[in-house]
């Protein structure tokens, strides 16, 4: 299984491990945008569902990202339990 790492607060705990791998910098601050999200039934070898994300990169190219429904739901639950998410509900 591919792990999905959830970070509760990127201001406090940024992804420093990505600083030295040569990710392209977006000088104008643009990031990829999630344009679509959907569920693909029976997507794994075991017949489990996957969540598909369509991302539009700053240069206009499209990219599809995928994770299992199980990992997506676990990540959503972990994020919803963070203090930051709870403050958003106030």
N, C-alpha and C. Protein backbone atom coordinates (compact mmCIF):
# COMPACT_ATOMS: atom_id res chain seq x y z
N UNK A 1 0.84 -1.18 0.00
CA UNK A 1 0.00 0.00 0.00
C UNK A 1 0.89 1.25 0.00
N UNK A 2 0.54 2.20 -0.82
CA UNK A 2 1.27 3.46 -0.86
C UNK A 2 0.80 4.32 0.31
N UNK A 3 1.73 4.80 1.15
CA UNK A 3 1.31 5.61 2.29
C UNK A 3 0.84 6.99 1.85
N UNK A 4 -0.08 7.53 2.59
CA UNK A 4 -0.56 8.88 2.38
C UNK A 4 -0.27 9.64 3.66
N UNK A 5 0.62 10.61 3.60
CA UNK A 5 1.02 11.36 4.78
C UNK A 5 0.13 12.58 4.94
N UNK A 6 -0.41 12.75 6.12
CA UNK A 6 -1.28 13.88 6.43
C UNK A 6 -0.54 14.79 7.39
N UNK A 7 -0.46 16.07 7.06
CA UNK A 7 0.18 17.06 7.91
C UNK A 7 -0.91 17.98 8.45
N UNK A 8 -1.00 18.06 9.77
CA UNK A 8 -2.09 18.80 10.41
C UNK A 8 -2.00 20.31 10.20
N UNK A 9 -0.79 20.86 10.10
CA UNK A 9 -0.63 22.30 9.95
C UNK A 9 0.68 22.56 9.23
N UNK A 10 0.61 22.95 7.97
CA UNK A 10 1.81 23.17 7.17
C UNK A 10 2.57 24.43 7.58
N UNK A 11 1.92 25.36 8.29
CA UNK A 11 2.65 26.52 8.82
C UNK A 11 3.62 26.07 9.91
N UNK A 12 3.19 25.14 10.75
CA UNK A 12 4.02 24.65 11.85
C UNK A 12 4.98 23.56 11.39
N UNK A 13 4.53 22.72 10.50
CA UNK A 13 5.30 21.55 10.08
C UNK A 13 5.35 21.47 8.55
N UNK A 14 6.09 22.38 7.90
CA UNK A 14 6.14 22.38 6.43
C UNK A 14 6.85 21.14 5.89
N UNK A 15 6.63 20.87 4.64
CA UNK A 15 7.23 19.71 3.98
C UNK A 15 8.68 20.02 3.61
N UNK A 16 9.55 20.10 4.60
CA UNK A 16 10.96 20.45 4.37
C UNK A 16 11.70 19.40 3.55
N UNK A 17 11.21 18.16 3.56
CA UNK A 17 11.88 17.12 2.78
C UNK A 17 11.77 17.37 1.27
N UNK A 18 10.92 18.28 0.86
CA UNK A 18 10.76 18.58 -0.56
C UNK A 18 11.64 19.74 -1.02
N UNK A 19 12.31 20.41 -0.08
CA UNK A 19 13.09 21.59 -0.43
C UNK A 19 14.27 21.29 -1.33
N UNK A 20 14.87 20.12 -1.18
CA UNK A 20 16.12 19.83 -1.89
C UNK A 20 15.97 18.88 -3.07
N UNK A 21 14.75 18.63 -3.53
CA UNK A 21 14.60 17.66 -4.62
C UNK A 21 14.37 18.31 -5.97
N UNK A 22 14.46 19.63 -6.03
CA UNK A 22 14.37 20.31 -7.32
C UNK A 22 12.96 20.51 -7.84
N UNK A 23 11.99 20.66 -6.95
CA UNK A 23 10.65 20.98 -7.42
C UNK A 23 10.68 22.34 -8.09
N UNK A 24 9.97 22.50 -9.19
CA UNK A 24 9.96 23.82 -9.83
C UNK A 24 9.27 24.84 -8.93
N UNK A 25 9.84 26.02 -8.87
CA UNK A 25 9.26 27.09 -8.06
C UNK A 25 8.26 27.87 -8.90
N UNK A 26 7.17 28.22 -8.29
CA UNK A 26 6.19 29.08 -8.93
C UNK A 26 6.45 30.49 -8.43
N UNK A 27 7.22 31.23 -9.19
CA UNK A 27 7.64 32.56 -8.75
C UNK A 27 6.44 33.47 -8.50
N UNK A 28 5.39 33.31 -9.30
CA UNK A 28 4.21 34.16 -9.12
C UNK A 28 3.26 33.63 -8.06
N UNK A 29 3.66 32.56 -7.37
CA UNK A 29 2.85 32.02 -6.28
C UNK A 29 1.71 31.12 -6.71
N UNK A 30 1.61 30.84 -8.00
CA UNK A 30 0.53 29.98 -8.47
C UNK A 30 0.77 28.54 -8.06
N UNK A 31 -0.30 27.84 -7.81
CA UNK A 31 -0.24 26.42 -7.50
C UNK A 31 -1.21 25.68 -8.41
N UNK A 32 -1.08 24.38 -8.44
CA UNK A 32 -2.05 23.57 -9.18
C UNK A 32 -3.41 23.70 -8.52
N UNK A 33 -4.45 23.64 -9.31
CA UNK A 33 -5.82 23.75 -8.81
C UNK A 33 -6.54 22.43 -9.02
N UNK A 34 -7.28 22.00 -8.02
CA UNK A 34 -8.12 20.82 -8.17
C UNK A 34 -9.38 21.27 -8.91
N UNK A 35 -9.60 20.72 -10.10
CA UNK A 35 -10.76 21.10 -10.89
C UNK A 35 -11.89 20.09 -10.81
N UNK A 36 -11.54 18.83 -10.59
CA UNK A 36 -12.57 17.79 -10.52
C UNK A 36 -12.15 16.74 -9.50
N UNK A 37 -13.14 16.11 -8.93
CA UNK A 37 -12.91 14.98 -8.03
C UNK A 37 -14.01 13.96 -8.30
N UNK A 38 -13.64 12.72 -8.31
CA UNK A 38 -14.63 11.68 -8.57
C UNK A 38 -14.18 10.34 -8.02
N UNK A 39 -15.11 9.41 -8.02
CA UNK A 39 -14.85 8.06 -7.50
C UNK A 39 -14.86 7.08 -8.67
N UNK A 40 -13.87 6.22 -8.69
CA UNK A 40 -13.77 5.17 -9.71
C UNK A 40 -13.96 3.82 -9.01
N UNK A 41 -15.13 3.20 -9.17
CA UNK A 41 -15.38 1.91 -8.51
C UNK A 41 -14.45 0.82 -9.06
N UNK A 42 -14.18 -0.16 -8.24
CA UNK A 42 -13.39 -1.34 -8.66
C UNK A 42 -12.06 -0.97 -9.31
N UNK A 43 -11.38 0.02 -8.78
CA UNK A 43 -10.16 0.52 -9.42
C UNK A 43 -8.90 -0.23 -9.01
N UNK A 44 -8.93 -0.92 -7.89
CA UNK A 44 -7.72 -1.63 -7.45
C UNK A 44 -7.80 -3.10 -7.84
N UNK A 45 -6.69 -3.78 -7.69
CA UNK A 45 -6.65 -5.22 -7.98
C UNK A 45 -7.61 -5.99 -7.08
N UNK A 46 -7.89 -5.43 -5.91
CA UNK A 46 -8.80 -6.08 -4.96
C UNK A 46 -10.25 -5.63 -5.13
N UNK A 47 -10.53 -4.82 -6.14
CA UNK A 47 -11.89 -4.37 -6.40
C UNK A 47 -12.35 -3.20 -5.56
N UNK A 48 -11.41 -2.50 -4.94
CA UNK A 48 -11.77 -1.35 -4.11
C UNK A 48 -11.84 -0.07 -4.96
N UNK A 49 -12.59 0.89 -4.45
CA UNK A 49 -12.76 2.16 -5.14
C UNK A 49 -11.55 3.07 -4.93
N UNK A 50 -11.34 3.96 -5.89
CA UNK A 50 -10.30 4.99 -5.79
C UNK A 50 -10.94 6.36 -5.99
N UNK A 51 -10.30 7.37 -5.42
CA UNK A 51 -10.69 8.76 -5.62
C UNK A 51 -9.72 9.35 -6.62
N UNK A 52 -10.26 9.99 -7.65
CA UNK A 52 -9.47 10.60 -8.71
C UNK A 52 -9.58 12.12 -8.60
N UNK A 53 -8.45 12.80 -8.73
CA UNK A 53 -8.41 14.27 -8.71
C UNK A 53 -7.84 14.75 -10.03
N UNK A 54 -8.52 15.69 -10.67
CA UNK A 54 -7.99 16.31 -11.87
C UNK A 54 -7.37 17.64 -11.45
N UNK A 55 -6.07 17.77 -11.66
CA UNK A 55 -5.33 18.98 -11.28
C UNK A 55 -4.95 19.75 -12.53
N UNK A 56 -5.12 21.07 -12.48
CA UNK A 56 -4.63 21.92 -13.56
C UNK A 56 -3.37 22.61 -13.05
N UNK A 57 -2.26 22.34 -13.72
CA UNK A 57 -0.99 22.94 -13.33
C UNK A 57 -0.96 24.40 -13.76
N UNK A 58 -0.09 25.22 -13.16
CA UNK A 58 -0.04 26.64 -13.51
C UNK A 58 0.18 26.90 -14.99
N UNK A 59 0.86 25.98 -15.69
CA UNK A 59 1.10 26.18 -17.12
C UNK A 59 -0.05 25.67 -17.99
N UNK A 60 -1.14 25.21 -17.36
CA UNK A 60 -2.31 24.77 -18.10
C UNK A 60 -2.39 23.27 -18.33
N UNK A 61 -1.28 22.55 -18.12
CA UNK A 61 -1.33 21.10 -18.31
C UNK A 61 -2.23 20.47 -17.25
N UNK A 62 -2.78 19.31 -17.58
CA UNK A 62 -3.65 18.59 -16.66
C UNK A 62 -2.94 17.36 -16.13
N UNK A 63 -3.26 17.00 -14.90
CA UNK A 63 -2.67 15.84 -14.25
C UNK A 63 -3.76 15.15 -13.44
N UNK A 64 -3.81 13.83 -13.52
CA UNK A 64 -4.74 13.07 -12.69
C UNK A 64 -3.97 12.43 -11.55
N UNK A 65 -4.44 12.66 -10.33
CA UNK A 65 -3.87 12.04 -9.14
C UNK A 65 -4.90 11.07 -8.58
N UNK A 66 -4.42 10.02 -7.95
CA UNK A 66 -5.31 8.96 -7.48
C UNK A 66 -4.87 8.45 -6.11
N UNK A 67 -5.83 8.12 -5.28
CA UNK A 67 -5.59 7.40 -4.04
C UNK A 67 -6.80 6.51 -3.79
N UNK A 68 -6.63 5.53 -2.94
CA UNK A 68 -7.78 4.67 -2.66
C UNK A 68 -8.81 5.44 -1.85
N UNK A 69 -10.05 5.01 -1.98
CA UNK A 69 -11.13 5.62 -1.21
C UNK A 69 -10.84 5.48 0.28
N UNK A 70 -10.30 4.36 0.67
CA UNK A 70 -9.99 4.11 2.08
C UNK A 70 -8.96 5.13 2.60
N UNK A 71 -7.88 5.35 1.85
CA UNK A 71 -6.88 6.33 2.27
C UNK A 71 -7.44 7.75 2.25
N UNK A 72 -8.22 8.07 1.23
CA UNK A 72 -8.82 9.40 1.13
C UNK A 72 -9.72 9.67 2.34
N UNK A 73 -10.56 8.71 2.69
CA UNK A 73 -11.45 8.88 3.84
C UNK A 73 -10.68 9.00 5.15
N UNK A 74 -9.62 8.22 5.30
CA UNK A 74 -8.80 8.30 6.51
C UNK A 74 -8.12 9.66 6.60
N UNK A 75 -7.62 10.17 5.47
CA UNK A 75 -6.98 11.49 5.46
C UNK A 75 -7.99 12.58 5.79
N UNK A 76 -9.18 12.50 5.20
CA UNK A 76 -10.22 13.50 5.47
C UNK A 76 -10.61 13.50 6.94
N UNK A 77 -10.72 12.33 7.54
CA UNK A 77 -11.06 12.24 8.97
C UNK A 77 -9.94 12.83 9.83
N UNK A 78 -8.70 12.55 9.47
CA UNK A 78 -7.56 13.08 10.23
C UNK A 78 -7.51 14.60 10.13
N UNK A 79 -7.76 15.13 8.94
CA UNK A 79 -7.74 16.58 8.75
C UNK A 79 -8.90 17.23 9.51
N UNK A 80 -10.08 16.62 9.46
CA UNK A 80 -11.25 17.16 10.15
C UNK A 80 -11.05 17.21 11.66
N UNK A 81 -10.19 16.34 12.19
CA UNK A 81 -9.96 16.29 13.64
C UNK A 81 -8.90 17.28 14.12
N UNK A 82 -8.25 18.01 13.21
CA UNK A 82 -7.20 18.94 13.61
C UNK A 82 -7.80 20.20 14.21
N UNK A 83 -7.04 20.88 15.08
CA UNK A 83 -7.52 22.15 15.63
C UNK A 83 -7.82 23.19 14.55
N UNK A 84 -7.02 23.22 13.50
CA UNK A 84 -7.26 24.19 12.42
C UNK A 84 -8.63 23.96 11.80
N UNK A 85 -8.96 22.72 11.49
CA UNK A 85 -10.25 22.41 10.89
C UNK A 85 -11.39 22.73 11.85
N UNK A 86 -11.18 22.47 13.12
CA UNK A 86 -12.23 22.76 14.10
C UNK A 86 -12.48 24.25 14.22
N UNK A 87 -11.43 25.07 14.09
CA UNK A 87 -11.61 26.52 14.11
C UNK A 87 -12.38 27.00 12.89
N UNK A 88 -12.22 26.34 11.76
CA UNK A 88 -12.95 26.70 10.54
C UNK A 88 -14.45 26.51 10.70
N UNK A 89 -14.84 25.61 11.60
CA UNK A 89 -16.26 25.32 11.81
C UNK A 89 -16.94 26.36 12.69
N UNK A 90 -16.17 27.22 13.35
CA UNK A 90 -16.77 28.23 14.24
C UNK A 90 -17.41 29.35 13.46
